[in-house]
């Protein structure tokens, strides 16, 4: 009984180790979900980039077609 006297330092270390252990468990549980969210975000960003490239190509095609049509009308 004398060994287990009221030791504030020991109690604080025990509490810190329990908090650290529960934090590690929580972070290990959340890590796959965060990785999945990041992969979805990357996929979304890639799709937005592809959409922007397609939009640029379409806009270039449309503007060149309009310019050709305008030159044809001017020549006539």
PDB file of N, CA and C in Angstrom:
ATOM      1  N   UNK A   1       0.808  -1.189   0.000  1.00  0.00           N
ATOM      2  CA  UNK A   1       0.000   0.000   0.000  1.00  0.00           C
ATOM      3  C   UNK A   1       0.852   1.253   0.000  1.00  0.00           C
ATOM      4  N   UNK A   2       1.989   1.184   0.662  1.00  0.00           N
ATOM      5  CA  UNK A   2       2.864   2.350   0.717  1.00  0.00           C
ATOM      6  C   UNK A   2       3.445   2.643  -0.661  1.00  0.00           C
ATOM      7  N   UNK A   3       3.555   1.598  -1.505  1.00  0.00           N
ATOM      8  CA  UNK A   3       4.086   1.794  -2.851  1.00  0.00           C
ATOM      9  C   UNK A   3       3.142   2.635  -3.709  1.00  0.00           C
ATOM     10  N   UNK A   4       1.864   2.511  -3.462  1.00  0.00           N
ATOM     11  CA  UNK A   4       0.874   3.186  -4.290  1.00  0.00           C
ATOM     12  C   UNK A   4       0.354   4.446  -3.611  1.00  0.00           C
ATOM     13  N   UNK A   5       1.227   5.236  -3.123  1.00  0.00           N
ATOM     14  CA  UNK A   5       0.817   6.490  -2.503  1.00  0.00           C
ATOM     15  C   UNK A   5       0.366   7.457  -3.587  1.00  0.00           C
ATOM     16  N   UNK A   6      -0.187   8.531  -3.159  1.00  0.00           N
ATOM     17  CA  UNK A   6      -0.723   9.534  -4.073  1.00  0.00           C
ATOM     18  C   UNK A   6       0.445  10.237  -4.764  1.00  0.00           C
ATOM     19  N   UNK A   7       0.767   9.770  -5.972  1.00  0.00           N
ATOM     20  CA  UNK A   7       1.899  10.308  -6.732  1.00  0.00           C
ATOM     21  C   UNK A   7       1.352  11.027  -7.961  1.00  0.00           C
ATOM     22  N   UNK A   8       1.414  12.350  -7.927  1.00  0.00           N
ATOM     23  CA  UNK A   8       0.842  13.160  -9.008  1.00  0.00           C
ATOM     24  C   UNK A   8       1.591  12.927 -10.319  1.00  0.00           C
ATOM     25  N   UNK A   9       2.895  12.815 -10.259  1.00  0.00           N
ATOM     26  CA  UNK A   9       3.689  12.595 -11.471  1.00  0.00           C
ATOM     27  C   UNK A   9       3.341  11.290 -12.157  1.00  0.00           C
ATOM     28  N   UNK A  10       3.192  10.232 -11.366  1.00  0.00           N
ATOM     29  CA  UNK A  10       2.844   8.924 -11.938  1.00  0.00           C
ATOM     30  C   UNK A  10       1.453   8.963 -12.544  1.00  0.00           C
ATOM     31  N   UNK A  11       0.533   9.616 -11.871  1.00  0.00           N
ATOM     32  CA  UNK A  11      -0.834   9.704 -12.402  1.00  0.00           C
ATOM     33  C   UNK A  11      -0.859  10.501 -13.704  1.00  0.00           C
ATOM     34  N   UNK A  12      -0.082  11.565 -13.761  1.00  0.00           N
ATOM     35  CA  UNK A  12      -0.035  12.368 -14.986  1.00  0.00           C
ATOM     36  C   UNK A  12       0.568  11.567 -16.137  1.00  0.00           C
ATOM     37  N   UNK A  13       1.634  10.820 -15.875  1.00  0.00           N
ATOM     38  CA  UNK A  13       2.243   9.995 -16.929  1.00  0.00           C
ATOM     39  C   UNK A  13       1.271   8.936 -17.424  1.00  0.00           C
ATOM     40  N   UNK A  14       0.539   8.317 -16.502  1.00  0.00           N
ATOM     41  CA  UNK A  14      -0.448   7.306 -16.908  1.00  0.00           C
ATOM     42  C   UNK A  14      -1.530   7.929 -17.778  1.00  0.00           C
ATOM     43  N   UNK A  15      -1.991   9.099 -17.371  1.00  0.00           N
ATOM     44  CA  UNK A  15      -3.039   9.765 -18.146  1.00  0.00           C
ATOM     45  C   UNK A  15      -2.511  10.172 -19.518  1.00  0.00           C
ATOM     46  N   UNK A  16      -1.292  10.694 -19.567  1.00  0.00           N
ATOM     47  CA  UNK A  16      -0.703  11.074 -20.853  1.00  0.00           C
ATOM     48  C   UNK A  16      -0.553   9.873 -21.772  1.00  0.00           C
ATOM     49  N   UNK A  17      -0.146   8.751 -21.222  1.00  0.00           N
ATOM     50  CA  UNK A  17       0.030   7.566 -22.069  1.00  0.00           C
ATOM     51  C   UNK A  17      -1.322   7.055 -22.568  1.00  0.00           C
ATOM     52  N   UNK A  18      -2.353   7.139 -21.737  1.00  0.00           N
ATOM     53  CA  UNK A  18      -3.695   6.729 -22.188  1.00  0.00           C
ATOM     54  C   UNK A  18      -4.211   7.661 -23.274  1.00  0.00           C
ATOM     55  N   UNK A  19      -3.987   8.960 -23.095  1.00  0.00           N
ATOM     56  CA  UNK A  19      -4.432   9.923 -24.108  1.00  0.00           C
ATOM     57  C   UNK A  19      -3.673   9.705 -25.414  1.00  0.00           C
ATOM     58  N   UNK A  20      -2.367   9.488 -25.319  1.00  0.00           N
ATOM     59  CA  UNK A  20      -1.565   9.249 -26.522  1.00  0.00           C
ATOM     60  C   UNK A  20      -2.009   7.975 -27.227  1.00  0.00           C
ATOM     61  N   UNK A  21      -2.315   6.946 -26.464  1.00  0.00           N
ATOM     62  CA  UNK A  21      -2.753   5.688 -27.071  1.00  0.00           C
ATOM     63  C   UNK A  21      -4.107   5.850 -27.755  1.00  0.00           C
ATOM     64  N   UNK A  22      -5.039   6.525 -27.103  1.00  0.00           N
ATOM     65  CA  UNK A  22      -6.358   6.706 -27.718  1.00  0.00           C
ATOM     66  C   UNK A  22      -6.271   7.617 -28.938  1.00  0.00           C
ATOM     67  N   UNK A  23      -5.389   8.609 -28.898  1.00  0.00           N
ATOM     68  CA  UNK A  23      -5.201   9.474 -30.064  1.00  0.00           C
ATOM     69  C   UNK A  23      -4.626   8.674 -31.226  1.00  0.00           C
ATOM     70  N   UNK A  24      -3.659   7.829 -30.959  1.00  0.00           N
ATOM     71  CA  UNK A  24      -3.062   7.009 -32.018  1.00  0.00           C
ATOM     72  C   UNK A  24      -4.091   6.065 -32.622  1.00  0.00           C
ATOM     73  N   UNK A  25      -4.928   5.493 -31.780  1.00  0.00           N
ATOM     74  CA  UNK A  25      -5.977   4.598 -32.286  1.00  0.00           C
ATOM     75  C   UNK A  25      -6.949   5.370 -33.164  1.00  0.00           C
ATOM     76  N   UNK A  26      -7.347   6.564 -32.713  1.00  0.00           N
ATOM     77  CA  UNK A  26      -8.274   7.386 -33.497  1.00  0.00           C
ATOM     78  C   UNK A  26      -7.685   7.801 -34.828  1.00  0.00           C
ATOM     79  N   UNK A  27      -6.428   8.226 -34.824  1.00  0.00           N
ATOM     80  CA  UNK A  27      -5.794   8.639 -36.069  1.00  0.00           C
ATOM     81  C   UNK A  27      -5.610   7.467 -37.018  1.00  0.00           C
ATOM     82  N   UNK A  28      -5.294   6.294 -36.490  1.00  0.00           N
ATOM     83  CA  UNK A  28      -5.171   5.108 -37.343  1.00  0.00           C
ATOM     84  C   UNK A  28      -6.510   4.726 -37.952  1.00  0.00           C
ATOM     85  N   UNK A  29      -7.592   4.974 -37.232  1.00  0.00           N
ATOM     86  CA  UNK A  29      -8.916   4.663 -37.764  1.00  0.00           C
ATOM     87  C   UNK A  29      -9.328   5.667 -38.830  1.00  0.00           C
ATOM     88  N   UNK A  30      -8.922   6.913 -38.686  1.00  0.00           N
ATOM     89  CA  UNK A  30      -9.332   7.966 -39.610  1.00  0.00           C
ATOM     90  C   UNK A  30      -8.466   7.996 -40.874  1.00  0.00           C
ATOM     91  N   UNK A  31      -7.252   7.515 -40.797  1.00  0.00           N
ATOM     92  CA  UNK A  31      -6.299   7.608 -41.905  1.00  0.00           C
ATOM     93  C   UNK A  31      -6.842   7.041 -43.228  1.00  0.00           C
ATOM     94  N   UNK A  32      -7.440   5.846 -43.259  1.00  0.00           N
ATOM     95  CA  UNK A  32      -7.972   5.351 -44.545  1.00  0.00           C
ATOM     96  C   UNK A  32      -9.086   6.230 -45.108  1.00  0.00           C
ATOM     97  N   UNK A  33      -9.906   6.784 -44.232  1.00  0.00           N
ATOM     98  CA  UNK A  33     -10.976   7.658 -44.713  1.00  0.00           C
ATOM     99  C   UNK A  33     -10.409   8.940 -45.314  1.00  0.00           C
ATOM    100  N   UNK A  34      -9.392   9.500 -44.681  1.00  0.00           N
ATOM    101  CA  UNK A  34      -8.756  10.699 -45.210  1.00  0.00           C
ATOM    102  C   UNK A  34      -8.086  10.396 -46.552  1.00  0.00           C
ATOM    103  N   UNK A  35      -7.419   9.255 -46.654  1.00  0.00           N
ATOM    104  CA  UNK A  35      -6.778   8.879 -47.913  1.00  0.00           C
ATOM    105  C   UNK A  35      -7.816   8.706 -49.021  1.00  0.00           C
ATOM    106  N   UNK A  36      -8.967   8.147 -48.681  1.00  0.00           N
ATOM    107  CA  UNK A  36     -10.031   7.991 -49.671  1.00  0.00           C
ATOM    108  C   UNK A  36     -10.555   9.357 -50.118  1.00  0.00           C
ATOM    109  N   UNK A  37     -10.750  10.267 -49.171  1.00  0.00           N
ATOM    110  CA  UNK A  37     -11.211  11.612 -49.508  1.00  0.00           C
ATOM    111  C   UNK A  37     -10.204  12.329 -50.410  1.00  0.00           C
ATOM    112  N   UNK A  38      -8.923  12.156 -50.131  1.00  0.00           N
ATOM    113  CA  UNK A  38      -7.878  12.790 -50.946  1.00  0.00           C
ATOM    114  C   UNK A  38      -7.885  12.208 -52.350  1.00  0.00           C
ATOM    115  N   UNK A  39      -8.069  10.903 -52.459  1.00  0.00           N
ATOM    116  CA  UNK A  39      -8.097  10.299 -53.800  1.00  0.00           C
ATOM    117  C   UNK A  39      -9.312  10.786 -54.588  1.00  0.00           C
ATOM    118  N   UNK A  40     -10.451  10.947 -53.925  1.00  0.00           N
ATOM    119  CA  UNK A  40     -11.628  11.487 -54.609  1.00  0.00           C
ATOM    120  C   UNK A  40     -11.404  12.932 -55.040  1.00  0.00           C
ATOM    121  N   UNK A  41     -10.753  13.708 -54.200  1.00  0.00           N
ATOM    122  CA  UNK A  41     -10.461  15.093 -54.534  1.00  0.00           C
ATOM    123  C   UNK A  41      -9.522  15.181 -55.728  1.00  0.00           C
ATOM    124  N   UNK A  42      -8.517  14.295 -55.773  1.00  0.00           N
ATOM    125  CA  UNK A  42      -7.600  14.275 -56.920  1.00  0.00           C
ATOM    126  C   UNK A  42      -8.339  13.883 -58.198  1.00  0.00           C
ATOM    127  N   UNK A  43      -9.219  12.896 -58.094  1.00  0.00           N
ATOM    128  CA  UNK A  43      -9.999  12.472 -59.252  1.00  0.00           C
ATOM    129  C   UNK A  43     -10.878  13.612 -59.751  1.00  0.00           C
ATOM    130  N   UNK A  44     -11.520  14.318 -58.830  1.00  0.00           N
ATOM    131  CA  UNK A  44     -12.372  15.453 -59.178  1.00  0.00           C
ATOM    132  C   UNK A  44     -11.554  16.538 -59.868  1.00  0.00           C
ATOM    133  N   UNK A  45     -10.369  16.834 -59.333  1.00  0.00           N
ATOM    134  CA  UNK A  45      -9.522  17.865 -59.920  1.00  0.00           C
ATOM    135  C   UNK A  45      -9.062  17.462 -61.323  1.00  0.00           C
ATOM    136  N   UNK A  46      -8.740  16.201 -61.520  1.00  0.00           N
ATOM    137  CA  UNK A  46      -8.339  15.729 -62.853  1.00  0.00           C
ATOM    138  C   UNK A  46      -9.490  15.871 -63.842  1.00  0.00           C
ATOM    139  N   UNK A  47     -10.696  15.550 -63.402  1.00  0.00           N
ATOM    140  CA  UNK A  47     -11.859  15.677 -64.284  1.00  0.00           C
ATOM    141  C   UNK A  47     -12.140  17.132 -64.627  1.00  0.00           C
ATOM    142  N   UNK A  48     -11.989  18.025 -63.670  1.00  0.00           N
ATOM    143  CA  UNK A  48     -12.198  19.450 -63.937  1.00  0.00           C
ATOM    144  C   UNK A  48     -11.145  19.954 -64.928  1.00  0.00           C
ATOM    145  N   UNK A  49      -9.915  19.496 -64.761  1.00  0.00           N
ATOM    146  CA  UNK A  49      -8.850  19.902 -65.683  1.00  0.00           C
ATOM    147  C   UNK A  49      -9.129  19.398 -67.093  1.00  0.00           C
ATOM    148  N   UNK A  50      -9.584  18.153 -67.220  1.00  0.00           N
ATOM    149  CA  UNK A  50      -9.916  17.605 -68.538  1.00  0.00           C
ATOM    150  C   UNK A  50     -11.085  18.373 -69.162  1.00  0.00           C
ATOM    151  N   UNK A  51     -12.061  18.736 -68.350  1.00  0.00           N
ATOM    152  CA  UNK A  51     -13.198  19.514 -68.841  1.00  0.00           C
ATOM    153  C   UNK A  51     -12.738  20.871 -69.356  1.00  0.00           C
ATOM    154  N   UNK A  52     -11.829  21.509 -68.623  1.00  0.00           N
ATOM    155  CA  UNK A  52     -11.312  22.811 -69.049  1.00  0.00           C
ATOM    156  C   UNK A  52     -10.543  22.691 -70.362  1.00  0.00           C
ATOM    157  N   UNK A  53      -9.757  21.637 -70.516  1.00  0.00           N
ATOM    158  CA  UNK A  53      -9.019  21.441 -71.766  1.00  0.00           C
ATOM    159  C   UNK A  53      -9.976  21.215 -72.934  1.00  0.00           C
ATOM    160  N   UNK A  54     -11.009  20.409 -72.710  1.00  0.00           N
ATOM    161  CA  UNK A  54     -11.994  20.169 -73.769  1.00  0.00           C
ATOM    162  C   UNK A  54     -12.737  21.450 -74.119  1.00  0.00           C
ATOM    163  N   UNK A  55     -13.032  22.261 -73.131  1.00  0.00           N
ATOM    164  CA  UNK A  55     -13.712  23.529 -73.361  1.00  0.00           C
ATOM    165  C   UNK A  55     -12.833  24.452 -74.203  1.00  0.00           C
ATOM    166  N   UNK A  56     -11.539  24.504 -73.879  1.00  0.00           N
ATOM    167  CA  UNK A  56     -10.606  25.332 -74.650  1.00  0.00           C
ATOM    168  C   UNK A  56     -10.530  24.865 -76.097  1.00  0.00           C
ATOM    169  N   UNK A  57     -10.440  23.552 -76.300  1.00  0.00           N
ATOM    170  CA  UNK A  57     -10.366  23.019 -77.664  1.00  0.00           C
ATOM    171  C   UNK A  57     -11.634  23.360 -78.433  1.00  0.00           C
ATOM    172  N   UNK A  58     -12.782  23.193 -77.792  1.00  0.00           N
ATOM    173  CA  UNK A  58     -14.050  23.514 -78.444  1.00  0.00           C
ATOM    174  C   UNK A  58     -14.172  24.992 -78.757  1.00  0.00           C
ATOM    175  N   UNK A  59     -13.705  25.821 -77.839  1.00  0.00           N
ATOM    176  CA  UNK A  59     -13.762  27.265 -78.051  1.00  0.00           C
ATOM    177  C   UNK A  59     -12.843  27.671 -79.194  1.00  0.00           C
ATOM    178  N   UNK A  60     -11.662  27.077 -79.258  1.00  0.00           N
ATOM    179  CA  UNK A  60     -10.743  27.372 -80.365  1.00  0.00           C
ATOM    180  C   UNK A  60     -11.352  26.941 -81.699  1.00  0.00           C
ATOM    181  N   UNK A  61     -11.951  25.771 -81.725  1.00  0.00           N
ATOM    182  CA  UNK A  61     -12.573  25.276 -82.951  1.00  0.00           C
ATOM    183  C   UNK A  61     -13.712  26.187 -83.376  1.00  0.00           C
ATOM    184  N   UNK A  62     -14.539  26.585 -82.424  1.00  0.00           N
ATOM    185  CA  UNK A  62     -15.676  27.447 -82.718  1.00  0.00           C
ATOM    186  C   UNK A  62     -15.215  28.814 -83.214  1.00  0.00           C
ATOM    187  N   UNK A  63     -14.218  29.382 -82.551  1.00  0.00           N
ATOM    188  CA  UNK A  63     -13.753  30.715 -82.957  1.00  0.00           C
ATOM    189  C   UNK A  63     -13.089  30.671 -84.333  1.00  0.00           C
ATOM    190  N   UNK A  64     -12.362  29.597 -84.637  1.00  0.00           N
ATOM    191  CA  UNK A  64     -11.758  29.499 -85.972  1.00  0.00           C
ATOM    192  C   UNK A  64     -12.839  29.307 -87.034  1.00  0.00           C
ATOM    193  N   UNK A  65     -13.898  28.572 -86.716  1.00  0.00           N
ATOM    194  CA  UNK A  65     -14.989  28.390 -87.671  1.00  0.00           C
ATOM    195  C   UNK A  65     -15.710  29.712 -87.915  1.00  0.00           C
ATOM    196  N   UNK A  66     -15.913  30.485 -86.869  1.00  0.00           N
ATOM    197  CA  UNK A  66     -16.564  31.789 -87.021  1.00  0.00           C
ATOM    198  C   UNK A  66     -15.686  32.725 -87.837  1.00  0.00           C
ATOM    199  N   UNK A  67     -14.388  32.682 -87.577  1.00  0.00           N
ATOM    200  CA  UNK A  67     -13.460  33.538 -88.335  1.00  0.00           C
ATOM    201  C   UNK A  67     -13.432  33.154 -89.797  1.00  0.00           C
ATOM    202  N   UNK A  68     -13.441  31.850 -90.090  1.00  0.00           N
ATOM    203  CA  UNK A  68     -13.471  31.400 -91.490  1.00  0.00           C
ATOM    204  C   UNK A  68     -14.753  31.861 -92.172  1.00  0.00           C
ATOM    205  N   UNK A  69     -15.852  31.746 -91.481  1.00  0.00           N
ATOM    206  CA  UNK A  69     -17.147  32.162 -92.037  1.00  0.00           C
ATOM    207  C   UNK A  69     -17.158  33.666 -92.297  1.00  0.00           C
ATOM    208  N   UNK A  70     -16.577  34.424 -91.387  1.00  0.00           N
ATOM    209  CA  UNK A  70     -16.527  35.877 -91.534  1.00  0.00           C
ATOM    210  C   UNK A  70     -15.662  36.260 -92.734  1.00  0.00           C
ATOM    211  N   UNK A  71     -14.534  35.568 -92.922  1.00  0.00           N
ATOM    212  CA  UNK A  71     -13.669  35.841 -94.064  1.00  0.00           C
ATOM    213  C   UNK A  71     -14.332  35.471 -95.379  1.00  0.00           C
ATOM    214  N   UNK A  72     -15.122  34.402 -95.382  1.00  0.00           N
ATOM    215  CA  UNK A  72     -15.854  34.002 -96.588  1.00  0.00           C
ATOM    216  C   UNK A  72     -16.886  35.056 -96.953  1.00  0.00           C
ATOM    217  N   UNK A  73     -17.577  35.565 -95.949  1.00  0.00           N
ATOM    218  CA  UNK A  73     -18.597  36.588 -96.226  1.00  0.00           C
ATOM    219  C   UNK A  73     -17.950  37.888 -96.697  1.00  0.00           C
ATOM    220  N   UNK A  74     -16.793  38.204 -96.189  1.00  0.00           N
ATOM    221  CA  UNK A  74     -16.098  39.407 -96.590  1.00  0.00           C
ATOM    222  C   UNK A  74     -15.581  39.294 -98.023  1.00  0.00           C
ATOM    223  N   UNK A  75     -15.161  38.093 -98.390  1.00  0.00           N
ATOM    224  CA  UNK A  75     -14.632  37.881 -99.736  1.00  0.00           C
ATOM    225  C   UNK A  75     -15.738  37.897-100.790  1.00  0.00           C
ATOM    226  N   UNK A  76     -16.945  37.569-100.395  1.00  0.00           N
ATOM    227  CA  UNK A  76     -18.038  37.483-101.370  1.00  0.00           C
ATOM    228  C   UNK A  76     -18.624  38.799-101.725  1.00  0.00           C
TER     229      UNK A  76
END
